[in-house]
Protein backbone atom coordinates (compact mmCIF):
# COMPACT_ATOMS: atom_id res chain seq x y z
CA MET A 1 -66.60 -4.80 -3.23
CA THR A 2 -64.95 -1.57 -4.40
CA ALA A 3 -67.00 0.87 -6.47
CA THR A 4 -65.34 1.71 -9.77
CA THR A 5 -65.86 4.09 -12.67
CA ASP A 6 -64.62 3.76 -16.22
CA GLN A 7 -63.96 5.97 -19.18
CA SER A 8 -67.56 5.62 -20.29
CA THR A 9 -68.83 7.57 -17.24
CA PRO A 10 -70.61 10.61 -18.70
CA THR A 11 -69.64 14.16 -17.81
CA GLY A 12 -71.70 15.39 -14.88
CA ALA A 13 -72.46 11.89 -13.56
CA ALA A 14 -73.17 11.49 -9.84
CA LEU A 15 -69.84 10.22 -8.46
CA PRO A 16 -68.93 9.53 -4.81
CA ARG A 17 -67.93 12.66 -2.92
CA GLN A 18 -66.64 13.30 0.59
CA HIS A 19 -68.36 16.25 2.25
CA LEU A 20 -66.34 18.21 4.81
CA PRO A 21 -67.74 20.56 7.47
CA ASP A 22 -67.82 24.27 6.63
CA GLY A 23 -64.61 25.76 8.02
CA GLU A 24 -66.16 29.23 8.12
CA GLU A 25 -68.54 27.92 10.80
CA PHE A 26 -65.72 26.35 12.84
CA LEU A 27 -66.65 28.16 16.07
CA MET A 28 -70.37 27.51 15.61
CA TRP A 29 -70.56 23.81 14.71
CA PRO A 30 -73.08 21.48 16.41
CA PRO A 31 -71.51 18.66 18.46
CA CYS A 32 -71.79 16.05 15.70
CA LEU A 33 -69.61 18.20 13.43
CA GLN A 34 -67.23 19.11 16.25
CA SER A 35 -66.38 15.47 16.98
CA HIS A 36 -65.59 14.91 13.29
CA GLY A 37 -64.11 18.28 12.38
CA TYR A 38 -61.68 18.58 15.31
CA ARG A 39 -59.71 15.60 13.99
CA ILE A 40 -59.54 16.82 10.36
CA VAL A 41 -58.52 20.45 10.82
CA ASP A 42 -55.68 19.92 8.35
CA GLN A 43 -58.28 19.17 5.65
CA LEU A 44 -60.16 22.40 6.31
CA PHE A 45 -57.42 24.98 6.75
CA ALA A 46 -53.95 25.66 5.41
CA THR A 47 -51.34 24.04 7.70
CA ARG A 48 -47.60 23.56 8.15
CA THR A 49 -46.11 20.37 9.63
CA ILE A 50 -44.28 20.28 12.95
CA GLN A 51 -41.86 17.51 12.09
CA ARG A 52 -41.04 14.83 14.60
CA GLY A 53 -37.61 13.34 15.01
CA ARG A 54 -36.77 10.07 16.71
CA ALA A 55 -39.65 9.10 18.98
CA ARG A 56 -38.97 8.22 22.60
CA ALA A 57 -41.50 6.32 24.67
CA ILE A 58 -42.70 7.70 28.00
CA PRO A 59 -42.30 5.11 30.78
CA ARG A 60 -45.56 3.47 31.85
CA GLY A 61 -46.57 2.85 35.41
CA ASN A 62 -49.47 0.87 36.81
CA GLU A 63 -52.81 2.10 35.51
CA VAL A 64 -54.53 4.34 38.02
CA GLN A 65 -57.75 3.00 39.51
CA ILE A 66 -60.10 5.84 40.25
CA GLU A 67 -63.71 6.94 40.46
CA VAL A 68 -64.88 10.52 40.01
CA PRO A 69 -67.22 11.97 42.67
CA VAL A 70 -70.03 13.97 41.02
CA GLY A 71 -72.77 15.03 43.43
CA ASP A 72 -74.08 11.88 45.11
CA ARG A 73 -72.62 9.60 42.40
CA HIS A 74 -69.20 8.13 41.66
CA LEU A 75 -68.43 7.87 37.95
CA SER A 76 -66.17 5.22 36.52
CA LEU A 77 -63.56 6.52 34.09
CA GLY A 78 -65.70 5.29 31.22
CA GLN A 79 -68.73 7.13 32.59
CA PHE A 80 -66.59 10.24 33.03
CA MET A 81 -65.45 10.01 29.40
CA ASP A 82 -69.06 9.76 28.22
CA ALA A 83 -70.31 12.57 30.48
CA ASN A 84 -67.49 14.88 29.41
CA ASN A 85 -67.76 14.05 25.69
CA ALA A 86 -64.08 13.20 25.98
CA ALA A 87 -62.07 12.07 22.96
CA GLY A 88 -58.86 11.65 24.91
CA LEU A 89 -57.66 11.53 28.51
CA LEU A 90 -54.00 11.15 29.49
CA VAL A 91 -52.48 11.25 32.95
CA ILE A 92 -48.76 11.42 33.74
CA ARG A 93 -47.63 11.04 37.34
CA GLY A 94 -44.01 11.11 38.39
CA ASP A 95 -42.82 10.92 34.76
CA GLU A 96 -44.89 7.81 33.96
CA VAL A 97 -48.11 7.45 31.99
CA VAL A 98 -50.69 6.03 34.37
CA LEU A 99 -53.80 6.51 32.22
CA GLU A 100 -54.43 6.76 28.47
CA TYR A 101 -58.04 6.60 27.30
CA TYR A 102 -59.56 7.33 23.90
CA GLY A 103 -63.20 8.03 23.06
CA LEU A 104 -65.45 9.24 20.22
CA GLY A 105 -63.54 6.97 17.87
CA LEU A 106 -60.27 8.94 18.20
CA LYS A 107 -57.19 6.85 17.35
CA MET A 108 -53.87 7.32 19.10
CA GLU A 109 -52.14 8.56 15.94
CA GLU A 110 -54.84 11.11 15.01
CA ARG A 111 -54.24 14.80 15.60
CA TRP A 112 -57.02 16.61 17.47
CA SER A 113 -57.53 20.37 17.43
CA THR A 114 -55.66 21.97 20.29
CA MET A 115 -57.85 25.07 20.19
CA SER A 116 -56.30 27.70 22.46
CA THR A 117 -54.15 25.30 24.48
CA VAL A 118 -51.56 26.03 21.78
CA LYS A 119 -51.36 29.60 23.11
CA SER A 120 -49.56 28.22 26.15
CA MET A 121 -47.30 26.12 23.93
CA THR A 122 -46.38 29.08 21.73
CA ALA A 123 -45.55 31.05 24.87
CA MET A 124 -42.94 28.43 25.72
CA LEU A 125 -41.36 29.08 22.30
CA VAL A 126 -40.98 32.73 23.31
CA GLY A 127 -38.83 31.49 26.17
CA ALA A 128 -36.75 29.44 23.76
CA ALA A 129 -36.32 32.49 21.51
CA VAL A 130 -35.22 34.60 24.49
CA GLY A 131 -32.76 31.86 25.45
CA ASP A 132 -31.43 31.77 21.89
CA GLY A 133 -30.98 35.55 21.89
CA ALA A 134 -33.46 36.02 19.03
CA ILE A 135 -35.68 38.10 21.32
CA SER A 136 -33.54 40.38 23.44
CA SER A 137 -36.15 41.30 26.05
CA LEU A 138 -39.83 40.78 26.81
CA ASP A 139 -40.03 44.55 27.11
CA ASP A 140 -39.08 45.05 23.47
CA PRO A 141 -41.78 46.83 21.45
CA VAL A 142 -43.78 44.56 19.17
CA VAL A 143 -43.13 46.85 16.19
CA ARG A 144 -39.38 46.13 16.46
CA TYR A 145 -40.15 42.65 15.14
CA LEU A 146 -43.36 43.41 13.22
CA PRO A 147 -42.76 46.83 11.63
CA SER A 148 -45.93 46.53 9.54
CA LEU A 149 -47.83 47.36 12.77
CA GLU A 150 -46.24 50.80 13.03
CA GLY A 151 -48.94 53.44 13.12
CA SER A 152 -51.52 50.95 14.45
CA VAL A 153 -52.95 50.47 17.92
CA TYR A 154 -50.00 48.13 18.61
CA GLU A 155 -47.59 51.07 18.84
CA GLY A 156 -46.43 51.00 22.47
CA VAL A 157 -47.34 47.32 23.01
CA THR A 158 -44.49 45.05 24.15
CA VAL A 159 -43.81 41.34 23.86
CA ARG A 160 -44.71 41.02 27.55
CA HIS A 161 -48.08 42.65 26.93
CA LEU A 162 -48.87 40.06 24.25
CA MET A 163 -47.75 37.26 26.58
CA THR A 164 -50.03 38.42 29.38
CA MET A 165 -53.09 39.45 27.33
CA SER A 166 -52.64 43.08 28.37
CA SER A 167 -52.14 44.81 25.01
CA GLY A 168 -55.00 47.18 25.80
CA VAL A 169 -56.53 46.49 22.37
CA ALA A 170 -60.32 46.23 22.06
CA TRP A 171 -61.24 42.70 20.99
CA SER A 172 -64.47 40.67 21.13
CA GLU A 173 -63.94 36.96 21.93
CA ASP A 174 -67.65 36.09 21.68
CA TYR A 175 -67.87 32.73 19.88
CA GLY A 176 -71.64 32.96 19.53
CA ASP A 177 -71.57 36.36 17.81
CA ARG A 178 -71.01 35.89 14.08
CA ASN A 179 -69.65 39.46 13.82
CA SER A 180 -67.25 39.27 16.78
CA ASP A 181 -63.54 39.81 16.20
CA VAL A 182 -62.76 36.17 16.90
CA ASN A 183 -65.31 34.99 14.31
CA ARG A 184 -64.04 37.47 11.71
CA TYR A 185 -60.56 36.10 12.41
CA SER A 186 -61.86 32.53 12.04
CA ARG A 187 -63.56 33.27 8.73
CA SER A 188 -60.35 34.82 7.40
CA LEU A 189 -58.54 31.57 8.20
CA ALA A 190 -61.19 29.51 6.44
CA ALA A 191 -60.98 31.77 3.37
CA LYS A 192 -57.16 31.59 3.49
CA VAL A 193 -56.82 35.32 2.89
CA PRO A 194 -53.11 36.31 2.62
CA ASP A 195 -52.30 38.75 5.44
CA GLY A 196 -56.00 38.76 6.32
CA VAL A 197 -55.47 38.34 10.07
CA LEU A 198 -52.74 41.00 10.14
CA ALA A 199 -55.05 43.41 8.31
CA LEU A 200 -57.73 42.72 10.93
CA MET A 201 -55.26 43.38 13.75
CA ARG A 202 -53.99 46.62 12.20
CA ASN A 203 -57.52 48.05 12.18
CA LEU A 204 -58.43 47.38 15.81
CA GLN A 205 -58.99 50.16 18.35
CA ARG A 206 -57.60 50.79 21.83
CA ALA A 207 -59.60 49.94 24.95
CA GLU A 208 -57.08 50.93 27.64
CA ALA A 209 -53.38 51.68 28.04
CA PRO A 210 -51.07 48.70 27.41
CA GLY A 211 -50.15 46.79 30.55
CA THR A 212 -53.00 48.09 32.67
CA ALA A 213 -55.69 45.41 32.32
CA TRP A 214 -56.15 41.78 31.29
CA ARG A 215 -58.35 41.18 28.24
CA TYR A 216 -58.54 37.79 26.51
CA ASN A 217 -57.50 38.25 22.88
CA THR A 218 -56.78 35.41 20.45
CA GLY A 219 -55.46 37.96 17.96
CA ASP A 220 -52.69 38.96 20.36
CA THR A 221 -51.39 35.41 20.30
CA TYR A 222 -51.42 35.40 16.51
CA LEU A 223 -49.08 38.39 16.68
CA LEU A 224 -46.97 36.61 19.30
CA GLY A 225 -46.44 33.67 16.94
CA ALA A 226 -45.71 36.00 14.02
CA LEU A 227 -43.21 37.82 16.22
CA VAL A 228 -41.36 34.59 17.06
CA CYS A 229 -41.19 33.80 13.33
CA ALA A 230 -39.76 37.24 12.56
CA ALA A 231 -37.29 37.17 15.46
CA THR A 232 -35.93 33.69 14.71
CA GLY A 233 -36.13 33.92 10.93
CA ARG A 234 -37.88 30.54 10.86
CA PRO A 235 -41.48 29.42 10.40
CA LEU A 236 -43.11 28.77 13.77
CA ALA A 237 -43.70 25.09 12.95
CA GLU A 238 -40.02 24.66 12.08
CA TYR A 239 -38.93 26.40 15.28
CA MET A 240 -41.31 24.26 17.35
CA SER A 241 -39.85 21.17 15.71
CA HIS A 242 -36.27 22.34 16.34
CA ARG A 243 -36.65 23.54 19.93
CA ILE A 244 -39.30 21.19 21.40
CA TRP A 245 -40.78 18.53 19.12
CA ARG A 246 -37.52 16.78 18.25
CA PRO A 247 -35.73 17.25 21.60
CA CYS A 248 -38.74 15.83 23.45
CA GLY A 249 -39.02 12.76 21.23
CA MET A 250 -42.56 13.41 20.03
CA GLU A 251 -44.13 10.36 18.44
CA PHE A 252 -46.16 11.99 15.66
CA ASP A 253 -45.91 15.00 13.40
CA GLY A 254 -48.07 17.89 14.53
CA PHE A 255 -49.16 20.95 12.60
CA TYR A 256 -49.87 24.63 12.98
CA THR A 257 -52.79 26.17 11.09
CA LEU A 258 -51.76 28.95 8.67
CA GLU A 259 -53.49 32.23 7.94
CA SER A 260 -53.29 31.38 4.21
CA ASP A 261 -51.60 28.89 1.90
CA ASN A 262 -47.85 29.06 2.67
CA GLY A 263 -48.60 31.92 5.07
CA THR A 264 -47.82 32.64 8.71
CA GLU A 265 -48.72 30.16 11.44
CA ILE A 266 -51.60 30.87 13.82
CA GLY A 267 -49.84 30.83 17.18
CA GLY A 268 -52.98 30.89 19.29
CA SER A 269 -55.52 28.37 18.03
CA ARG A 270 -56.47 25.14 16.20
CA ALA A 271 -53.11 23.47 15.82
CA GLY A 272 -53.29 19.68 15.49
CA MET A 273 -51.49 17.26 17.81
CA ALA A 274 -51.84 13.69 19.04
CA LEU A 275 -52.87 13.11 22.65
CA ARG A 276 -49.58 11.45 23.61
CA ASP A 277 -47.52 14.33 22.24
CA ILE A 278 -49.59 16.90 24.09
CA GLY A 279 -48.82 14.77 27.13
CA ARG A 280 -45.11 14.93 26.33
CA PHE A 281 -45.39 18.71 26.17
CA ALA A 282 -47.13 18.77 29.56
CA ARG A 283 -44.34 16.54 30.91
CA LEU A 284 -41.75 19.09 29.70
CA VAL A 285 -43.53 21.86 31.61
CA MET A 286 -44.02 19.62 34.65
CA ASN A 287 -40.25 19.08 34.72
CA ASP A 288 -39.42 22.80 34.49
CA GLY A 289 -38.15 22.63 30.93
CA TRP A 290 -36.13 19.40 31.21
CA CYS A 291 -36.77 16.40 28.99
CA ASP A 292 -35.06 13.05 29.51
CA GLY A 293 -32.04 14.63 31.20
CA SER A 294 -31.60 17.53 28.74
CA ARG A 295 -32.59 21.15 29.32
CA VAL A 296 -34.97 22.19 26.53
CA LEU A 297 -36.29 25.50 27.87
CA PRO A 298 -34.18 28.19 29.57
CA ALA A 299 -33.71 27.91 33.32
CA GLY A 300 -36.45 29.77 35.17
CA TRP A 301 -38.75 30.18 32.18
CA VAL A 302 -41.49 27.81 33.36
CA GLU A 303 -41.42 29.45 36.79
CA ALA A 304 -41.79 32.86 35.14
CA ALA A 305 -44.70 31.58 33.07
CA ALA A 306 -46.37 30.31 36.26
CA THR A 307 -46.01 33.63 38.08
CA PRO A 308 -49.28 35.62 38.18
CA ALA A 309 -49.19 38.71 35.98
CA PHE A 310 -52.88 39.62 36.33
CA ALA A 311 -55.70 38.53 38.59
CA LEU A 312 -58.64 37.36 36.48
CA PRO A 313 -61.66 39.68 36.49
CA ASP A 314 -65.19 38.48 37.06
CA GLY A 315 -67.19 37.73 33.93
CA GLY A 316 -65.95 37.86 30.35
CA ALA A 317 -64.49 35.15 28.14
CA MET A 318 -64.47 31.60 29.51
CA SER A 319 -65.78 32.81 32.89
CA ALA A 320 -67.88 29.71 33.58
CA GLY A 321 -64.96 27.38 32.96
CA ARG A 322 -62.67 29.58 35.00
CA ARG A 323 -64.99 29.46 37.99
CA ALA A 324 -65.48 25.70 37.74
CA LEU A 325 -61.72 25.07 37.63
CA GLY A 326 -60.81 27.62 40.30
CA LEU A 327 -58.64 29.74 38.00
CA VAL A 328 -57.62 33.00 39.62
CA ALA A 329 -54.70 34.49 37.65
CA TYR A 330 -52.94 34.65 34.28
CA GLY A 331 -49.21 34.33 33.69
CA TYR A 332 -47.27 34.03 30.44
CA SER A 333 -50.24 32.67 28.44
CA TRP A 334 -50.92 30.09 31.17
CA TRP A 335 -53.98 30.15 33.43
CA LEU A 336 -53.22 29.66 37.12
CA ASP A 337 -55.33 28.25 39.93
CA GLY A 338 -54.93 28.88 43.64
CA SER A 339 -53.22 25.58 44.49
CA GLY A 340 -50.14 25.47 42.28
CA GLY A 341 -51.77 24.27 39.06
CA MET A 342 -50.98 25.62 35.60
CA TRP A 343 -53.67 25.31 32.93
CA ALA A 344 -53.65 25.57 29.15
CA MET A 345 -57.28 26.23 28.22
CA GLY A 346 -58.83 25.52 24.83
CA HIS A 347 -62.30 26.11 23.43
CA CYS A 348 -64.93 23.41 23.98
CA GLY A 349 -63.10 21.28 26.53
CA GLN A 350 -59.44 21.11 25.50
CA ARG A 351 -57.51 21.22 28.76
CA ILE A 352 -53.90 20.71 29.89
CA TYR A 353 -53.24 20.67 33.65
CA VAL A 354 -49.74 20.69 35.13
CA HIS A 355 -48.80 20.63 38.83
CA ARG A 356 -45.02 20.76 39.02
CA ALA A 357 -44.66 20.27 42.77
CA GLU A 358 -46.92 17.21 42.75
CA GLN A 359 -45.48 15.86 39.47
CA LEU A 360 -48.91 15.48 37.91
CA ALA A 361 -50.05 16.29 34.37
CA VAL A 362 -53.51 15.71 32.90
CA VAL A 363 -54.60 16.23 29.28
CA GLN A 364 -58.24 16.18 28.19
CA LEU A 365 -59.46 16.40 24.58
CA ALA A 366 -63.21 16.83 24.37
CA VAL A 367 -66.31 18.18 22.66
CA TYR A 368 -68.15 20.61 24.91
CA PRO A 369 -71.17 21.91 22.94
CA GLU A 370 -70.98 25.43 21.54
CA PRO A 371 -73.10 27.78 23.69
CA ARG A 372 -76.01 27.91 21.26
CA TYR A 373 -76.30 24.09 21.34
CA ALA A 374 -75.95 23.65 25.11
CA SER A 375 -79.15 22.58 26.85
CA ALA A 376 -80.36 23.03 30.40
CA HIS A 377 -79.50 19.36 30.98
CA GLU A 378 -75.77 19.72 30.27
CA PRO A 379 -73.53 18.67 33.17
CA ASN A 380 -70.84 21.00 34.50
CA ARG A 381 -68.04 19.25 32.65
CA ASP A 382 -65.19 21.39 33.96
CA ALA A 383 -66.37 20.75 37.51
CA GLN A 384 -66.25 17.02 36.75
CA LEU A 385 -62.74 17.40 35.33
CA LEU A 386 -61.61 19.20 38.46
CA SER A 387 -63.17 16.44 40.58
CA LEU A 388 -61.10 13.89 38.61
CA ILE A 389 -57.94 15.93 39.13
CA ASP A 390 -58.66 16.32 42.85
CA GLN A 391 -58.88 12.52 43.12
CA LEU A 392 -55.60 12.15 41.24
CA ARG A 393 -53.96 14.62 43.62
CA ARG A 394 -54.95 12.57 46.68
CA PRO A 395 -52.14 10.51 48.22
CA ALA A 396 -52.14 6.94 46.91
């Protein structure tokens, strides 16, 4: 039976309401809100659609049969999904989907928050813009494209520095600190403050000379996305649709989060995409920028992105996950391990793994608890993910 109201309902009556999680607390939610909120980001923040074109199916091979060694146990795929709080798991091998699992109630058409995995995706758009001639060189100064940063700490920073997290700008990426730069950035997004993120970036201080050290900085990737918009003269979502989403036959619309209503896209976090389409993106990278017989990214760009620019220091942002996954270097907004793997890393368990030589791509969407909610009994989820990938890499 459907509940109804009529014209006789008095003003102020208790009517049904849908409560949404507090977007200002996005980086501090407990797990129960994460698993709900990550699939409704477009209801919490301003967004712009990445429009799909004509969808093309990825060929499907035989489903992989695998168990995941964890200590003295072997987990089934279902047990792995439960242990990793996984909402989605997709495996592509040799251009065919060989595994597609959903958990936590996620449906195949729903868009899940990419978190920072979209940093690596935006970096591929930089390659497209270079190929199109919109960006003349990675060594161009940032202020050539974003003149509003003149006179700020970003004087002397180049496109390459943004790509490799070496701007030299002081930035705190502490998700548990309510007053960190990344949380101030997040609150500005939730409040939809016009030019709020840019104002934050203009007032940062210098930590070291540009190009001399690696320092993880979500704000840098915001500027990278804004730079692509300025260089191409198109919104980032529109350029993503034109250069990648449509050519790769994505099945569902995606979206970028905006810094304010009708504002600039956030190039480095919380976009929304369906699992299959993230898999299609991983397939594009796996195939060195080719998709279904057509070159989508410039020749050599994926190889350049996979070339180490900086060795990763000990400690700092995401250090535990880095150690568990064996990540040793950083390229063009891609994390690199010591065995040929490229990784797009996103907060709380969002992971994209690509091994071009072995023609293997793995996408995980998950809910790892925020640090303040993690207990002493939590498993090492990234170690379990790496164990799964190691099994997938074994000869059949």
